[in-house]
Amino acid sequence: MSGDAPALGDPAGEIDAMAARLRELAALLRDPEAGDEPAAELAREAAELVSRAGNEIDRVLREGDPEPG
């Protein structure tokens, strides 16, 4: 990622940075000149980012939920 990494502990910034990288990866994957191996690596990175972003969103939502009862 670029030098514009969000500060640690900033979930919204982290999610935004992951989304920006996913947009970059999507653009790279649309390139008809991308070879199979580089495309596979980009797809793996994208899958990892989607998983991390989903986990971060879940964590933020859990922390924001009031305790039942």
PDB file of N, CA and C in Angstrom:
ATOM      1  N   MET A   1       0.836  -1.188   0.000  1.00  0.00           N
ATOM      2  CA  MET A   1       0.000   0.000   0.000  1.00  0.00           C
ATOM      3  C   MET A   1       0.870   1.237   0.000  1.00  0.00           C
ATOM      4  N   SER A   2       0.213   2.360  -0.199  1.00  0.00           N
ATOM      5  CA  SER A   2       0.965   3.603  -0.315  1.00  0.00           C
ATOM      6  C   SER A   2       1.351   4.140   1.056  1.00  0.00           C
ATOM      7  N   GLY A   3       2.041   5.252   1.069  1.00  0.00           N
ATOM      8  CA  GLY A   3       2.460   5.893   2.306  1.00  0.00           C
ATOM      9  C   GLY A   3       1.322   6.602   3.008  1.00  0.00           C
ATOM     10  N   ASP A   4       0.124   6.551   2.446  1.00  0.00           N
ATOM     11  CA  ASP A   4      -1.032   7.194   3.051  1.00  0.00           C
ATOM     12  C   ASP A   4      -1.780   6.250   3.978  1.00  0.00           C
ATOM     13  N   ALA A   5      -1.086   5.361   4.624  1.00  0.00           N
ATOM     14  CA  ALA A   5      -1.723   4.386   5.508  1.00  0.00           C
ATOM     15  C   ALA A   5      -2.394   5.109   6.664  1.00  0.00           C
ATOM     16  N   PRO A   6      -3.583   4.634   7.058  1.00  0.00           N
ATOM     17  CA  PRO A   6      -4.283   5.274   8.168  1.00  0.00           C
ATOM     18  C   PRO A   6      -3.580   4.991   9.488  1.00  0.00           C
ATOM     19  N   ALA A   7      -3.847   5.843  10.458  1.00  0.00           N
ATOM     20  CA  ALA A   7      -3.294   5.644  11.788  1.00  0.00           C
ATOM     21  C   ALA A   7      -3.872   4.362  12.382  1.00  0.00           C
ATOM     22  N   LEU A   8      -3.061   3.672  13.142  1.00  0.00           N
ATOM     23  CA  LEU A   8      -3.556   2.477  13.813  1.00  0.00           C
ATOM     24  C   LEU A   8      -4.706   2.849  14.730  1.00  0.00           C
ATOM     25  N   GLY A   9      -5.713   1.994  14.756  1.00  0.00           N
ATOM     26  CA  GLY A   9      -6.846   2.246  15.616  1.00  0.00           C
ATOM     27  C   GLY A   9      -7.923   3.081  14.948  1.00  0.00           C
ATOM     28  N   ASP A  10      -7.759   3.390  13.664  1.00  0.00           N
ATOM     29  CA  ASP A  10      -8.765   4.143  12.903  1.00  0.00           C
ATOM     30  C   ASP A  10      -9.465   3.171  11.962  1.00  0.00           C
ATOM     31  N   PRO A  11     -10.529   2.488  12.453  1.00  0.00           N
ATOM     32  CA  PRO A  11     -11.177   1.465  11.630  1.00  0.00           C
ATOM     33  C   PRO A  11     -11.708   2.003  10.307  1.00  0.00           C
ATOM     34  N   ALA A  12     -12.312   3.182  10.311  1.00  0.00           N
ATOM     35  CA  ALA A  12     -12.848   3.737   9.073  1.00  0.00           C
ATOM     36  C   ALA A  12     -11.718   4.000   8.074  1.00  0.00           C
ATOM     37  N   GLY A  13     -10.615   4.523   8.562  1.00  0.00           N
ATOM     38  CA  GLY A  13      -9.468   4.776   7.691  1.00  0.00           C
ATOM     39  C   GLY A  13      -8.875   3.495   7.146  1.00  0.00           C
ATOM     40  N   GLU A  14      -8.805   2.464   7.978  1.00  0.00           N
ATOM     41  CA  GLU A  14      -8.283   1.176   7.532  1.00  0.00           C
ATOM     42  C   GLU A  14      -9.185   0.580   6.458  1.00  0.00           C
ATOM     43  N   ILE A  15     -10.487   0.647   6.666  1.00  0.00           N
ATOM     44  CA  ILE A  15     -11.435   0.104   5.693  1.00  0.00           C
ATOM     45  C   ILE A  15     -11.365   0.904   4.392  1.00  0.00           C
ATOM     46  N   ASP A  16     -11.263   2.220   4.502  1.00  0.00           N
ATOM     47  CA  ASP A  16     -11.124   3.057   3.311  1.00  0.00           C
ATOM     48  C   ASP A  16      -9.856   2.708   2.531  1.00  0.00           C
ATOM     49  N   ALA A  17      -8.763   2.485   3.243  1.00  0.00           N
ATOM     50  CA  ALA A  17      -7.506   2.129   2.581  1.00  0.00           C
ATOM     51  C   ALA A  17      -7.632   0.773   1.886  1.00  0.00           C
ATOM     52  N   MET A  18      -8.293  -0.173   2.522  1.00  0.00           N
ATOM     53  CA  MET A  18      -8.491  -1.484   1.897  1.00  0.00           C
ATOM     54  C   MET A  18      -9.374  -1.352   0.662  1.00  0.00           C
ATOM     55  N   ALA A  19     -10.413  -0.536   0.741  1.00  0.00           N
ATOM     56  CA  ALA A  19     -11.300  -0.329  -0.410  1.00  0.00           C
ATOM     57  C   ALA A  19     -10.538   0.321  -1.567  1.00  0.00           C
ATOM     58  N   ALA A  20      -9.677   1.280  -1.254  1.00  0.00           N
ATOM     59  CA  ALA A  20      -8.882   1.932  -2.296  1.00  0.00           C
ATOM     60  C   ALA A  20      -7.966   0.925  -2.974  1.00  0.00           C
ATOM     61  N   ARG A  21      -7.339   0.065  -2.170  1.00  0.00           N
ATOM     62  CA  ARG A  21      -6.452  -0.957  -2.756  1.00  0.00           C
ATOM     63  C   ARG A  21      -7.262  -1.942  -3.598  1.00  0.00           C
ATOM     64  N   LEU A  22      -8.466  -2.292  -3.159  1.00  0.00           N
ATOM     65  CA  LEU A  22      -9.304  -3.190  -3.950  1.00  0.00           C
ATOM     66  C   LEU A  22      -9.651  -2.556  -5.296  1.00  0.00           C
ATOM     67  N   ARG A  23      -9.905  -1.250  -5.308  1.00  0.00           N
ATOM     68  CA  ARG A  23     -10.168  -0.563  -6.579  1.00  0.00           C
ATOM     69  C   ARG A  23      -8.934  -0.627  -7.489  1.00  0.00           C
ATOM     70  N   GLU A  24      -7.752  -0.449  -6.895  1.00  0.00           N
ATOM     71  CA  GLU A  24      -6.518  -0.557  -7.672  1.00  0.00           C
ATOM     72  C   GLU A  24      -6.368  -1.964  -8.254  1.00  0.00           C
ATOM     73  N   LEU A  25      -6.614  -2.963  -7.429  1.00  0.00           N
ATOM     74  CA  LEU A  25      -6.491  -4.346  -7.880  1.00  0.00           C
ATOM     75  C   LEU A  25      -7.485  -4.647  -8.998  1.00  0.00           C
ATOM     76  N   ALA A  26      -8.706  -4.145  -8.862  1.00  0.00           N
ATOM     77  CA  ALA A  26      -9.718  -4.363  -9.902  1.00  0.00           C
ATOM     78  C   ALA A  26      -9.255  -3.764 -11.225  1.00  0.00           C
ATOM     79  N   ALA A  27      -8.684  -2.571 -11.173  1.00  0.00           N
ATOM     80  CA  ALA A  27      -8.189  -1.937 -12.398  1.00  0.00           C
ATOM     81  C   ALA A  27      -7.064  -2.765 -13.021  1.00  0.00           C
ATOM     82  N   LEU A  28      -6.170  -3.262 -12.188  1.00  0.00           N
ATOM     83  CA  LEU A  28      -5.068  -4.079 -12.696  1.00  0.00           C
ATOM     84  C   LEU A  28      -5.588  -5.384 -13.303  1.00  0.00           C
ATOM     85  N   LEU A  29      -6.594  -5.971 -12.682  1.00  0.00           N
ATOM     86  CA  LEU A  29      -7.143  -7.230 -13.187  1.00  0.00           C
ATOM     87  C   LEU A  29      -7.905  -7.040 -14.497  1.00  0.00           C
ATOM     88  N   ARG A  30      -8.417  -5.855 -14.743  1.00  0.00           N
ATOM     89  CA  ARG A  30      -9.121  -5.585 -16.002  1.00  0.00           C
ATOM     90  C   ARG A  30      -8.152  -5.401 -17.173  1.00  0.00           C
ATOM     91  N   ASP A  31      -6.885  -5.217 -16.887  1.00  0.00           N
ATOM     92  CA  ASP A  31      -5.891  -5.006 -17.940  1.00  0.00           C
ATOM     93  C   ASP A  31      -5.758  -6.279 -18.779  1.00  0.00           C
ATOM     94  N   PRO A  32      -6.053  -6.189 -20.076  1.00  0.00           N
ATOM     95  CA  PRO A  32      -5.968  -7.390 -20.918  1.00  0.00           C
ATOM     96  C   PRO A  32      -4.534  -7.904 -21.081  1.00  0.00           C
ATOM     97  N   GLU A  33      -3.566  -7.091 -20.749  1.00  0.00           N
ATOM     98  CA  GLU A  33      -2.164  -7.497 -20.848  1.00  0.00           C
ATOM     99  C   GLU A  33      -1.671  -8.253 -19.616  1.00  0.00           C
ATOM    100  N   ALA A  34      -2.483  -8.308 -18.564  1.00  0.00           N
ATOM    101  CA  ALA A  34      -2.063  -9.005 -17.337  1.00  0.00           C
ATOM    102  C   ALA A  34      -1.946 -10.495 -17.632  1.00  0.00           C
ATOM    103  N   GLY A  35      -0.856 -11.077 -17.219  1.00  0.00           N
ATOM    104  CA  GLY A  35      -0.651 -12.506 -17.411  1.00  0.00           C
ATOM    105  C   GLY A  35      -1.397 -13.314 -16.364  1.00  0.00           C
ATOM    106  N   ASP A  36      -1.440 -14.615 -16.576  1.00  0.00           N
ATOM    107  CA  ASP A  36      -2.167 -15.497 -15.668  1.00  0.00           C
ATOM    108  C   ASP A  36      -1.598 -15.496 -14.253  1.00  0.00           C
ATOM    109  N   GLU A  37      -0.279 -15.621 -14.140  1.00  0.00           N
ATOM    110  CA  GLU A  37       0.318 -15.666 -12.799  1.00  0.00           C
ATOM    111  C   GLU A  37       0.153 -14.344 -12.048  1.00  0.00           C
ATOM    112  N   PRO A  38       0.457 -13.206 -12.672  1.00  0.00           N
ATOM    113  CA  PRO A  38       0.224 -11.941 -11.963  1.00  0.00           C
ATOM    114  C   PRO A  38      -1.248 -11.746 -11.603  1.00  0.00           C
ATOM    115  N   ALA A  39      -2.145 -12.140 -12.497  1.00  0.00           N
ATOM    116  CA  ALA A  39      -3.574 -11.996 -12.214  1.00  0.00           C
ATOM    117  C   ALA A  39      -3.982 -12.871 -11.036  1.00  0.00           C
ATOM    118  N   ALA A  40      -3.437 -14.067 -10.961  1.00  0.00           N
ATOM    119  CA  ALA A  40      -3.748 -14.961  -9.842  1.00  0.00           C
ATOM    120  C   ALA A  40      -3.261 -14.356  -8.528  1.00  0.00           C
ATOM    121  N   GLU A  41      -2.084 -13.748  -8.545  1.00  0.00           N
ATOM    122  CA  GLU A  41      -1.543 -13.115  -7.332  1.00  0.00           C
ATOM    123  C   GLU A  41      -2.405 -11.918  -6.930  1.00  0.00           C
ATOM    124  N   LEU A  42      -2.818 -11.118  -7.909  1.00  0.00           N
ATOM    125  CA  LEU A  42      -3.689  -9.979  -7.615  1.00  0.00           C
ATOM    126  C   LEU A  42      -5.026 -10.458  -7.048  1.00  0.00           C
ATOM    127  N   ALA A  43      -5.557 -11.531  -7.600  1.00  0.00           N
ATOM    128  CA  ALA A  43      -6.829 -12.075  -7.110  1.00  0.00           C
ATOM    129  C   ALA A  43      -6.677 -12.585  -5.684  1.00  0.00           C
ATOM    130  N   ARG A  44      -5.551 -13.217  -5.372  1.00  0.00           N
ATOM    131  CA  ARG A  44      -5.304 -13.684  -3.994  1.00  0.00           C
ATOM    132  C   ARG A  44      -5.239 -12.493  -3.031  1.00  0.00           C
ATOM    133  N   GLU A  45      -4.536 -11.431  -3.449  1.00  0.00           N
ATOM    134  CA  GLU A  45      -4.449 -10.242  -2.602  1.00  0.00           C
ATOM    135  C   GLU A  45      -5.836  -9.638  -2.385  1.00  0.00           C
ATOM    136  N   ALA A  46      -6.632  -9.589  -3.460  1.00  0.00           N
ATOM    137  CA  ALA A  46      -7.983  -9.044  -3.347  1.00  0.00           C
ATOM    138  C   ALA A  46      -8.825  -9.881  -2.386  1.00  0.00           C
ATOM    139  N   ALA A  47      -8.749 -11.192  -2.489  1.00  0.00           N
ATOM    140  CA  ALA A  47      -9.524 -12.066  -1.608  1.00  0.00           C
ATOM    141  C   ALA A  47      -9.114 -11.863  -0.150  1.00  0.00           C
ATOM    142  N   GLU A  48      -7.818 -11.720   0.089  1.00  0.00           N
ATOM    143  CA  GLU A  48      -7.329 -11.485   1.454  1.00  0.00           C
ATOM    144  C   GLU A  48      -7.842 -10.141   1.983  1.00  0.00           C
ATOM    145  N   LEU A  49      -7.808  -9.119   1.146  1.00  0.00           N
ATOM    146  CA  LEU A  49      -8.294  -7.804   1.566  1.00  0.00           C
ATOM    147  C   LEU A  49      -9.788  -7.817   1.862  1.00  0.00           C
ATOM    148  N   VAL A  50     -10.554  -8.510   1.033  1.00  0.00           N
ATOM    149  CA  VAL A  50     -11.998  -8.603   1.265  1.00  0.00           C
ATOM    150  C   VAL A  50     -12.259  -9.287   2.607  1.00  0.00           C
ATOM    151  N   SER A  51     -11.522 -10.340   2.882  1.00  0.00           N
ATOM    152  CA  SER A  51     -11.685 -11.045   4.155  1.00  0.00           C
ATOM    153  C   SER A  51     -11.322 -10.145   5.330  1.00  0.00           C
ATOM    154  N   ARG A  52     -10.193  -9.448   5.218  1.00  0.00           N
ATOM    155  CA  ARG A  52      -9.770  -8.545   6.295  1.00  0.00           C
ATOM    156  C   ARG A  52     -10.767  -7.424   6.499  1.00  0.00           C
ATOM    157  N   ALA A  53     -11.260  -6.853   5.411  1.00  0.00           N
ATOM    158  CA  ALA A  53     -12.227  -5.757   5.513  1.00  0.00           C
ATOM    159  C   ALA A  53     -13.513  -6.251   6.162  1.00  0.00           C
ATOM    160  N   GLY A  54     -13.969  -7.433   5.767  1.00  0.00           N
ATOM    161  CA  GLY A  54     -15.174  -8.001   6.369  1.00  0.00           C
ATOM    162  C   GLY A  54     -15.002  -8.232   7.856  1.00  0.00           C
ATOM    163  N   ASN A  55     -13.846  -8.753   8.241  1.00  0.00           N
ATOM    164  CA  ASN A  55     -13.571  -8.970   9.660  1.00  0.00           C
ATOM    165  C   ASN A  55     -13.538  -7.655  10.430  1.00  0.00           C
ATOM    166  N   GLU A  56     -12.943  -6.636   9.834  1.00  0.00           N
ATOM    167  CA  GLU A  56     -12.861  -5.325  10.498  1.00  0.00           C
ATOM    168  C   GLU A  56     -14.250  -4.707  10.646  1.00  0.00           C
ATOM    169  N   ILE A  57     -15.057  -4.810   9.607  1.00  0.00           N
ATOM    170  CA  ILE A  57     -16.422  -4.283   9.675  1.00  0.00           C
ATOM    171  C   ILE A  57     -17.218  -5.017  10.743  1.00  0.00           C
ATOM    172  N   ASP A  58     -17.107  -6.344  10.783  1.00  0.00           N
ATOM    173  CA  ASP A  58     -17.796  -7.124  11.816  1.00  0.00           C
ATOM    174  C   ASP A  58     -17.361  -6.695  13.213  1.00  0.00           C
ATOM    175  N   ARG A  59     -16.044  -6.488  13.388  1.00  0.00           N
ATOM    176  CA  ARG A  59     -15.517  -6.091  14.699  1.00  0.00           C
ATOM    177  C   ARG A  59     -16.089  -4.744  15.115  1.00  0.00           C
ATOM    178  N   VAL A  60     -16.096  -3.795  14.191  1.00  0.00           N
ATOM    179  CA  VAL A  60     -16.611  -2.460  14.498  1.00  0.00           C
ATOM    180  C   VAL A  60     -18.098  -2.536  14.852  1.00  0.00           C
ATOM    181  N   LEU A  61     -18.844  -3.324  14.110  1.00  0.00           N
ATOM    182  CA  LEU A  61     -20.271  -3.457  14.390  1.00  0.00           C
ATOM    183  C   LEU A  61     -20.514  -4.107  15.755  1.00  0.00           C
ATOM    184  N   ARG A  62     -19.728  -5.123  16.094  1.00  0.00           N
ATOM    185  CA  ARG A  62     -19.872  -5.770  17.402  1.00  0.00           C
ATOM    186  C   ARG A  62     -19.568  -4.794  18.527  1.00  0.00           C
ATOM    187  N   GLU A  63     -18.522  -3.997  18.359  1.00  0.00           N
ATOM    188  CA  GLU A  63     -18.162  -3.030  19.399  1.00  0.00           C
ATOM    189  C   GLU A  63     -19.203  -1.951  19.551  1.00  0.00           C
ATOM    190  N   GLY A  64     -19.933  -1.664  18.483  1.00  0.00           N
ATOM    191  CA  GLY A  64     -20.951  -0.620  18.538  1.00  0.00           C
ATOM    192  C   GLY A  64     -22.289  -1.108  19.046  1.00  0.00           C
ATOM    193  N   ASP A  65     -22.489  -2.440  19.089  1.00  0.00           N
ATOM    194  CA  ASP A  65     -23.766  -2.991  19.561  1.00  0.00           C
ATOM    195  C   ASP A  65     -23.860  -2.886  21.083  1.00  0.00           C
ATOM    196  N   PRO A  66     -24.981  -2.360  21.590  1.00  0.00           N
ATOM    197  CA  PRO A  66     -25.166  -2.344  23.045  1.00  0.00           C
ATOM    198  C   PRO A  66     -25.389  -3.771  23.562  1.00  0.00           C
ATOM    199  N   GLU A  67     -25.030  -3.979  24.791  1.00  0.00           N
ATOM    200  CA  GLU A  67     -25.231  -5.286  25.419  1.00  0.00           C
ATOM    201  C   GLU A  67     -26.723  -5.581  25.515  1.00  0.00           C
ATOM    202  N   PRO A  68     -27.143  -6.811  25.154  1.00  0.00           N
ATOM    203  CA  PRO A  68     -28.559  -7.144  25.297  1.00  0.00           C
ATOM    204  C   PRO A  68     -28.965  -7.205  26.773  1.00  0.00           C
ATOM    205  N   GLY A  69     -30.251  -6.887  27.015  1.00  0.00           N
ATOM    206  CA  GLY A  69     -30.726  -7.049  28.385  1.00  0.00           C
ATOM    207  C   GLY A  69     -31.177  -5.847  28.989  1.00  0.00           C
TER     208      GLY A  69
END
